[in-house]
C-alpha cells in the first residue's frame, strides 16, 4: 500500500522480516495455524484461504475477486504509516441479487450490512475491532463508480456509501470520518457466510435470553445451540429479536461481536488441520465468498497475512462500537459522539489501545458483547 513517500519505511519493514501485507518469513507452527484459522473468521473468512493450501493454489486463486482500491482513490488519502500495524475494513454485503434474493427485493445496489475496522497492533499479537452502525448519519464524500461521479451528501446513512459507490467509496468514507488509512478491504455476502458456517460444521453458542425474530427467521430459546449457516446469518442480522432492543443496529452489533468471539473460540477445535478434505472445502467456500482489495487478491498474499496474524486469539481482541448517540432528528438513526469518536481514531492512528473513556456513555456499548450470547 505504500506510496513513494513510504518506500524507505517499506524497505525497512522488509528488512525486519515483515512485508507490506504484514507477512513474516518464519513458517507457522501447528498451534499458530490453528489460531490463524480462528482469526480468519473475524475477517469474514478472508484468511481461511491462506491456511497452507499451496497444492490447490490455482483453483483457489481463481475463486478470488479483487477491487483496485488504490487506483480508485489515488493519493488524496490519510498518511500511510508503515509501523507494523495494519487496518482492514471488513464488510458484510446485504445485496439481494442472485441467490441472496430470498432475503428481500433487489433495489439495485448492495449495502454494507456489517462494517468493522480491524486494527492489528504492531507485533501482531492483539487487535481492536471498531463496529460502525449501518444507520450512522455521516458526511459522505464524493466518489467515483465505474467511471461516473457519485456526489457526496451532508447527511447520509453510513451504509449508503457502499450502495452508491461500491468498495472504494466505502473505504473513502471510512477514511474521511476517521483520518485512518485502510490497508486492506474484505467483503463477504449472505450466501457465502451461510456456506462457510455450514462447511465449518456450525458454531456453538449459548443464549442467555430468548431471541425471536420473524424478519431474520430466527427463533432461539435460552440455552445451548449449534447454529447452522442459516441460523448464524439470522443471528448476526437480527434487529427486531433482541430482548429489550429498539430495532436499531446497535443490538445487532452486540450479537455480531459475541458471535465472532464464539466462532473464533470454536474453529480451532473442529479438526480441519487433520482433515485435508474439510480444510479444502472451507478454503474453497471462503475464497468464493469474498471480495478483497487487489493486494490481497491471491492465495499467496492471504497466506502471508494469515501467517503474520497467527498469534491473535479471541482473548486478545478488543471489540467496541463507534461511540454514538441517537439522532435528535430521527430516533431510528444514530450520530457519532464527536469527541469520543476522535478518541477511538486517535488511538488507532498511534497504534494504542482504545481507552475505556471513549465508549463510556455511548449508546453502542451497553451491557457488553455477552449480554445475549456466549
Protein backbone atom coordinates (compact mmCIF):
# COMPACT_ATOMS: atom_id res chain seq x y z
CA UNK A 1 0.00 0.00 0.00
CA UNK A 2 2.93 2.34 0.41
CA UNK A 3 3.21 5.30 -1.95
CA UNK A 4 6.55 6.86 -2.92
CA UNK A 5 6.82 8.60 0.45
CA UNK A 6 6.65 5.26 2.23
CA UNK A 7 9.20 3.37 0.12
CA UNK A 8 12.01 3.70 2.65
CA UNK A 9 9.80 2.60 5.51
CA UNK A 10 8.57 -0.37 3.49
CA UNK A 11 12.14 -1.40 2.78
CA UNK A 12 12.91 -1.12 6.48
CA UNK A 13 9.90 -3.30 7.29
CA UNK A 14 11.07 -5.93 4.83
CA UNK A 15 14.50 -5.89 6.44
CA UNK A 16 12.78 -6.75 9.70
CA UNK A 17 11.11 -9.74 8.00
CA UNK A 18 7.68 -8.15 7.55
CA UNK A 19 6.34 -7.48 4.08
CA UNK A 20 3.89 -4.73 3.17
CA UNK A 21 0.94 -7.01 3.90
CA UNK A 22 2.40 -7.92 7.30
CA UNK A 23 3.83 -11.26 6.19
CA UNK A 24 6.65 -12.76 8.23
CA UNK A 25 9.21 -15.19 6.89
CA UNK A 26 9.02 -17.67 9.72
CA UNK A 27 6.71 -20.60 8.96
CA UNK A 28 3.69 -21.22 11.20
CA UNK A 29 3.64 -23.90 13.88
CA UNK A 30 0.64 -26.21 14.20
CA UNK A 31 -0.71 -24.07 17.06
CA UNK A 32 -0.23 -20.84 15.10
CA UNK A 33 -2.07 -22.25 12.10
CA UNK A 34 -4.99 -23.25 14.33
CA UNK A 35 -5.22 -19.75 15.73
CA UNK A 36 -4.78 -18.34 12.23
CA UNK A 37 -7.92 -20.13 11.12
CA UNK A 38 -9.89 -18.72 14.06
CA UNK A 39 -8.78 -15.20 13.15
CA UNK A 40 -9.90 -15.77 9.58
CA UNK A 41 -13.48 -15.95 10.80
CA UNK A 42 -13.10 -12.45 12.21
CA UNK A 43 -12.18 -11.01 8.83
CA UNK A 44 -15.16 -12.67 7.17
CA UNK A 45 -13.16 -15.78 6.32
CA UNK A 46 -10.75 -13.91 4.09
CA UNK A 47 -7.78 -15.61 5.66
CA UNK A 48 -9.14 -19.15 5.61
CA UNK A 49 -7.94 -19.34 2.04
CA UNK A 50 -4.41 -18.84 3.31
CA UNK A 51 -4.04 -21.83 5.58
CA UNK A 52 -1.20 -23.58 3.78
CA UNK A 53 -3.10 -24.83 0.72
CA UNK A 54 -0.40 -24.48 -1.92
CA UNK A 55 -1.42 -27.74 -3.62
CA UNK A 56 -4.69 -26.15 -4.75
CA UNK A 57 -3.21 -22.70 -5.33
CA UNK A 58 -4.55 -22.18 -8.84
CA UNK A 59 -8.01 -23.49 -8.04
CA UNK A 60 -8.44 -21.21 -5.04
CA UNK A 61 -6.76 -18.30 -6.79
CA UNK A 62 -9.41 -18.50 -9.49
CA UNK A 63 -12.15 -18.12 -6.86
CA UNK A 64 -10.93 -14.75 -5.61
CA UNK A 65 -12.30 -11.40 -6.73
CA UNK A 66 -10.37 -8.15 -6.28
CA UNK A 67 -11.01 -4.41 -6.36
CA UNK A 68 -8.16 -1.97 -7.01
CA UNK A 69 -8.81 0.44 -4.12
CA UNK A 70 -5.51 2.26 -4.61
CA UNK A 71 -6.21 3.12 -8.23
CA UNK A 72 -9.75 4.24 -7.41
CA UNK A 73 -8.75 6.55 -4.55
CA UNK A 74 -5.41 7.90 -5.75
CA UNK A 75 -3.12 9.79 -3.37
CA UNK A 76 -5.63 12.01 -1.55
CA UNK A 77 -5.81 9.72 1.46
CA UNK A 78 -4.68 9.62 5.10
CA UNK A 79 -0.96 9.16 5.67
CA UNK A 80 0.35 5.66 5.09
CA UNK A 81 2.05 4.81 8.41
CA UNK A 82 4.28 1.78 7.93
CA UNK A 83 4.98 0.91 11.58
CA UNK A 84 3.98 -2.76 11.52
CA UNK A 85 0.34 -2.12 12.40
CA UNK A 86 -2.47 -2.76 9.94
CA UNK A 87 -6.07 -1.63 9.31
CA UNK A 88 -8.56 -3.87 7.49
CA UNK A 89 -12.07 -2.75 6.58
CA UNK A 90 -14.33 -5.82 6.76
CA UNK A 91 -17.83 -5.51 5.32
CA UNK A 92 -20.83 -7.81 5.02
CA UNK A 93 -22.89 -7.18 1.89
CA UNK A 94 -26.69 -7.23 2.06
CA UNK A 95 -27.22 -7.42 -1.71
CA UNK A 96 -30.47 -9.15 -2.66
CA UNK A 97 -29.20 -10.02 -6.11
CA UNK A 98 -28.88 -13.62 -7.28
CA UNK A 99 -29.00 -16.23 -4.54
CA UNK A 100 -29.47 -13.55 -1.90
CA UNK A 101 -32.92 -12.71 -3.31
CA UNK A 102 -34.67 -14.78 -0.62
CA UNK A 103 -33.79 -12.03 1.89
CA UNK A 104 -35.80 -9.33 0.14
CA UNK A 105 -36.27 -7.37 -3.06
CA UNK A 106 -33.21 -6.29 -5.01
CA UNK A 107 -33.43 -2.50 -5.14
CA UNK A 108 -30.42 -2.05 -7.37
CA UNK A 109 -27.45 -1.91 -5.01
CA UNK A 110 -25.84 -3.73 -2.12
CA UNK A 111 -25.45 -2.00 1.22
CA UNK A 112 -22.99 -2.72 3.97
CA UNK A 113 -25.00 -4.77 6.43
CA UNK A 114 -21.92 -5.07 8.64
CA UNK A 115 -18.84 -2.86 8.84
CA UNK A 116 -15.84 -3.46 11.07
CA UNK A 117 -12.47 -1.73 11.14
CA UNK A 118 -9.93 -4.31 12.31
CA UNK A 119 -6.79 -2.68 13.70
CA UNK A 120 -3.91 -5.13 14.15
CA UNK A 121 -1.30 -3.71 16.50
CA UNK A 122 2.42 -3.66 15.85
CA UNK A 123 3.84 -7.08 16.66
CA UNK A 124 0.58 -8.72 15.51
CA UNK A 125 -0.30 -10.17 18.93
CA UNK A 126 -3.51 -8.24 19.58
CA UNK A 127 -6.19 -6.33 17.72
CA UNK A 128 -9.05 -3.89 18.20
CA UNK A 129 -12.28 -4.02 16.22
CA UNK A 130 -14.50 -0.97 15.76
CA UNK A 131 -18.01 -1.72 14.50
CA UNK A 132 -19.71 1.12 12.62
CA UNK A 133 -23.54 1.04 12.85
CA UNK A 134 -25.03 0.94 9.36
CA UNK A 135 -27.56 3.65 10.23
CA UNK A 136 -24.94 6.14 11.47
CA UNK A 137 -25.54 9.55 9.90
CA UNK A 138 -22.29 10.85 8.38
CA UNK A 139 -20.99 13.24 5.75
CA UNK A 140 -20.44 11.06 2.69
CA UNK A 141 -17.62 12.22 0.38
CA UNK A 142 -17.77 12.49 -3.40
CA UNK A 143 -16.93 9.14 -5.00
CA UNK A 144 -16.48 7.57 -8.42
CA UNK A 145 -18.01 4.29 -9.54
CA UNK A 146 -17.48 2.69 -12.94
CA UNK A 147 -16.00 5.95 -14.22
CA UNK A 148 -19.01 8.00 -13.17
CA UNK A 149 -19.03 10.68 -10.46
CA UNK A 150 -21.13 9.94 -7.39
CA UNK A 151 -21.91 13.14 -5.45
CA UNK A 152 -21.47 13.17 -1.71
CA UNK A 153 -24.07 14.10 0.88
CA UNK A 154 -24.03 16.18 4.05
CA UNK A 155 -26.27 13.74 5.91
CA UNK A 156 -26.34 10.14 4.71
CA UNK A 157 -26.54 6.75 6.34
CA UNK A 158 -23.12 5.14 6.52
CA UNK A 159 -24.18 2.05 4.58
CA UNK A 160 -25.24 4.08 1.54
CA UNK A 161 -21.56 4.65 0.67
CA UNK A 162 -21.18 1.03 -0.38
CA UNK A 163 -24.53 1.08 -2.16
CA UNK A 164 -23.85 4.11 -4.37
CA UNK A 165 -20.08 3.84 -4.81
CA UNK A 166 -19.02 0.26 -4.08
CA UNK A 167 -15.97 -0.84 -2.05
CA UNK A 168 -13.79 2.15 -2.97
CA UNK A 169 -16.45 4.60 -1.76
CA UNK A 170 -16.88 2.61 1.46
CA UNK A 171 -13.13 2.82 2.09
CA UNK A 172 -13.08 6.51 1.22
CA UNK A 173 -15.98 7.18 3.60
CA UNK A 174 -14.29 5.36 6.49
CA UNK A 175 -11.04 7.22 5.85
CA UNK A 176 -12.85 10.57 5.64
CA UNK A 177 -14.58 10.18 9.01
CA UNK A 178 -11.58 8.65 10.78
CA UNK A 179 -8.46 10.02 9.07
CA UNK A 180 -7.13 6.46 9.44
CA UNK A 181 -5.83 4.78 6.29
CA UNK A 182 -7.27 1.37 5.43
CA UNK A 183 -4.57 -1.05 4.31
CA UNK A 184 -6.95 -3.73 3.10
CA UNK A 185 -10.60 -4.37 2.27
CA UNK A 186 -12.61 -7.59 2.63
CA UNK A 187 -16.28 -8.15 1.74
CA UNK A 188 -18.42 -11.27 2.23
CA UNK A 189 -22.05 -11.76 1.16
CA UNK A 190 -25.04 -13.54 2.71
CA UNK A 191 -24.79 -16.76 0.75
CA UNK A 192 -21.05 -17.07 1.25
CA UNK A 193 -21.38 -16.56 5.00
CA UNK A 194 -24.01 -19.30 5.29
CA UNK A 195 -21.97 -21.77 3.27
CA UNK A 196 -18.85 -21.06 5.30
CA UNK A 197 -20.58 -21.77 8.61
CA UNK A 198 -22.03 -24.99 7.19
CA UNK A 199 -18.59 -26.01 5.90
CA UNK A 200 -17.23 -25.48 9.41
CA UNK A 201 -19.95 -27.74 10.83
CA UNK A 202 -21.89 -24.96 12.55
CA UNK A 203 -20.99 -22.90 15.59
CA UNK A 204 -21.93 -23.45 19.22
CA UNK A 205 -23.40 -20.60 21.25
CA UNK A 206 -25.30 -20.16 24.49
CA UNK A 207 -28.15 -17.67 24.58
CA UNK A 208 -28.96 -16.10 27.94
CA UNK A 209 -32.31 -14.80 26.67
CA UNK A 210 -34.78 -15.89 24.02
CA UNK A 211 -34.27 -14.41 20.55
CA UNK A 212 -37.42 -14.35 18.43
CA UNK A 213 -37.38 -12.62 15.04
CA UNK A 214 -39.64 -13.45 12.08
CA UNK A 215 -37.75 -10.95 9.90
CA UNK A 216 -34.48 -12.90 10.10
CA UNK A 217 -36.21 -16.29 10.53
CA UNK A 218 -34.52 -16.86 13.87
CA UNK A 219 -36.19 -18.38 16.93
CA UNK A 220 -33.95 -19.45 19.83
CA UNK A 221 -34.82 -20.27 23.40
CA UNK A 222 -32.33 -19.59 26.23
CA UNK A 223 -29.67 -22.29 26.37
CA UNK A 224 -27.04 -24.03 24.26
CA UNK A 225 -27.36 -24.22 20.48
CA UNK A 226 -25.31 -25.35 17.49
CA UNK A 227 -26.25 -22.94 14.74
CA UNK A 228 -26.11 -23.88 11.07
CA UNK A 229 -25.38 -21.32 8.36
CA UNK A 230 -28.96 -20.12 8.01
CA UNK A 231 -29.37 -19.68 11.77
CA UNK A 232 -25.99 -17.97 12.11
CA UNK A 233 -26.91 -15.50 9.40
CA UNK A 234 -30.18 -14.84 11.19
CA UNK A 235 -28.33 -14.19 14.44
CA UNK A 236 -25.87 -11.67 13.04
CA UNK A 237 -28.64 -9.89 11.11
CA UNK A 238 -31.45 -9.77 13.69
CA UNK A 239 -32.58 -6.32 14.80
CA UNK A 240 -36.11 -6.98 15.97
CA UNK A 241 -35.50 -10.11 18.03
CA UNK A 242 -33.03 -8.65 20.55
CA UNK A 243 -34.65 -8.69 24.01
CA UNK A 244 -35.32 -5.16 25.11
CA UNK A 245 -33.93 -3.84 21.84
CA UNK A 246 -35.21 -0.85 19.92
CA UNK A 247 -34.94 -2.24 16.39
CA UNK A 248 -31.75 -0.27 15.70
CA UNK A 249 -28.42 -1.61 14.51
CA UNK A 250 -26.84 -1.34 17.96
CA UNK A 251 -28.30 -4.53 19.41
CA UNK A 252 -27.40 -6.42 16.27
CA UNK A 253 -23.77 -5.30 16.55
CA UNK A 254 -23.64 -6.69 20.09
CA UNK A 255 -24.77 -10.06 18.73
CA UNK A 256 -22.30 -9.91 15.84
CA UNK A 257 -19.38 -9.26 18.16
CA UNK A 258 -20.39 -12.04 20.53
CA UNK A 259 -20.91 -14.47 17.65
CA UNK A 260 -17.47 -13.72 16.19
CA UNK A 261 -15.77 -14.46 19.50
CA UNK A 262 -17.75 -17.70 19.90
CA UNK A 263 -16.81 -18.72 16.37
CA UNK A 264 -13.13 -17.93 16.90
CA UNK A 265 -13.07 -19.98 20.08
CA UNK A 266 -14.63 -22.96 18.32
CA UNK A 267 -12.97 -23.12 14.91
CA UNK A 268 -9.63 -24.27 16.26
CA UNK A 269 -11.36 -27.37 17.64
CA UNK A 270 -13.19 -28.54 14.50
CA UNK A 271 -10.33 -30.69 13.28
CA UNK A 272 -9.66 -29.00 9.95
CA UNK A 273 -5.88 -29.27 10.35
CA UNK A 274 -6.04 -33.08 10.40
CA UNK A 275 -8.71 -33.33 7.69
CA UNK A 276 -7.37 -32.12 4.31
CA UNK A 277 -10.74 -32.61 2.60
CA UNK A 278 -12.55 -30.46 5.13
CA UNK A 279 -9.78 -27.87 5.05
CA UNK A 280 -10.09 -27.67 1.27
CA UNK A 281 -13.88 -27.35 1.44
CA UNK A 282 -13.56 -24.48 3.91
CA UNK A 283 -10.92 -22.70 1.83
CA UNK A 284 -12.87 -23.23 -1.39
CA UNK A 285 -16.04 -21.87 0.21
CA UNK A 286 -14.24 -18.90 1.78
CA UNK A 287 -12.40 -17.83 -1.35
CA UNK A 288 -15.63 -17.97 -3.38
CA UNK A 289 -17.45 -15.92 -0.75
CA UNK A 290 -15.19 -12.92 -0.54
CA UNK A 291 -14.04 -9.88 -2.46
CA UNK A 292 -10.78 -8.22 -1.40
CA UNK A 293 -8.57 -5.36 -2.46
CA UNK A 294 -6.16 -6.37 -5.23
CA UNK A 295 -3.21 -6.53 -2.82
CA UNK A 296 -4.91 -9.48 -1.08
CA UNK A 297 -6.33 -10.98 -4.25
CA UNK A 298 -4.20 -14.12 -4.30
CA UNK A 299 -3.77 -17.19 -2.15
CA UNK A 300 -0.10 -16.33 -1.58
CA UNK A 301 -0.95 -12.89 -0.14
CA UNK A 302 -3.73 -14.30 2.02
CA UNK A 303 -1.34 -16.97 3.23
CA UNK A 304 1.23 -14.34 4.18
CA UNK A 305 -1.35 -12.28 6.01
CA UNK A 306 -2.69 -15.34 7.81
CA UNK A 307 0.77 -16.34 9.00
CA UNK A 308 1.50 -12.88 10.34
CA UNK A 309 -1.73 -12.83 12.37
CA UNK A 310 -1.38 -16.33 13.76
CA UNK A 311 -0.72 -15.28 17.37
CA UNK A 312 -4.02 -13.44 17.87
CA UNK A 313 -6.80 -15.23 19.74
CA UNK A 314 -10.24 -14.03 20.81
CA UNK A 315 -8.87 -13.10 24.22
CA UNK A 316 -6.51 -10.65 22.51
CA UNK A 317 -9.23 -8.80 20.61
CA UNK A 318 -11.00 -5.74 21.98
CA UNK A 319 -14.37 -5.14 20.30
CA UNK A 320 -16.17 -1.82 20.54
CA UNK A 321 -18.85 0.09 18.66
CA UNK A 322 -18.17 3.54 17.28
CA UNK A 323 -19.34 5.91 20.04
CA UNK A 324 -22.78 7.17 19.03
CA UNK A 325 -25.98 8.65 20.37
CA UNK A 326 -29.48 8.63 18.93
CA UNK A 327 -30.09 11.23 16.24
CA UNK A 328 -32.32 14.04 17.62
CA UNK A 329 -33.77 14.47 14.12
CA UNK A 330 -34.63 10.78 13.76
CA UNK A 331 -34.57 8.34 16.69
CA UNK A 332 -34.21 5.43 14.23
CA UNK A 333 -30.73 6.73 13.32
CA UNK A 334 -27.57 7.42 15.32
CA UNK A 335 -24.89 10.11 15.08
CA UNK A 336 -21.25 9.88 16.20
CA UNK A 337 -20.25 11.37 19.53
CA UNK A 338 -17.57 13.61 18.07
CA UNK A 339 -15.08 13.86 20.94
CA UNK A 340 -15.38 10.20 21.93
CA UNK A 341 -15.14 9.02 18.33
CA UNK A 342 -11.99 11.07 17.91
CA UNK A 343 -10.52 9.28 20.93
CA UNK A 344 -11.06 6.00 19.08
CA UNK A 345 -9.49 7.20 15.84
CA UNK A 346 -6.60 8.90 17.66
CA UNK A 347 -5.79 5.61 19.38
CA UNK A 348 -5.72 3.67 16.13
CA UNK A 349 -3.57 6.29 14.41
CA UNK A 350 -0.84 5.97 17.03
CA UNK A 351 -1.29 2.20 17.49
CA UNK A 352 -2.58 2.36 21.06
CA UNK A 353 -5.42 0.58 22.80
CA UNK A 354 -8.79 2.30 22.66
CA UNK A 355 -9.37 3.98 26.04
CA UNK A 356 -12.42 2.88 28.03
CA UNK A 357 -13.41 6.53 28.37
CA UNK A 358 -14.04 6.61 24.63
CA UNK A 359 -17.03 4.28 24.81
CA UNK A 360 -18.36 5.26 28.23
CA UNK A 361 -21.85 6.68 27.82
CA UNK A 362 -22.14 5.60 24.18
CA UNK A 363 -25.44 4.10 23.08
CA UNK A 364 -23.48 1.44 21.23
CA UNK A 365 -21.78 -0.36 24.12
CA UNK A 366 -24.42 -1.10 26.69
CA UNK A 367 -24.02 -4.35 28.59
CA UNK A 368 -21.07 -5.89 26.74
CA UNK A 369 -20.93 -8.47 23.96
CA UNK A 370 -22.01 -11.35 26.21
CA UNK A 371 -25.33 -9.76 27.14
CA UNK A 372 -27.31 -12.20 24.99
CA UNK A 373 -24.86 -14.71 23.54
CA UNK A 374 -21.79 -16.54 24.84
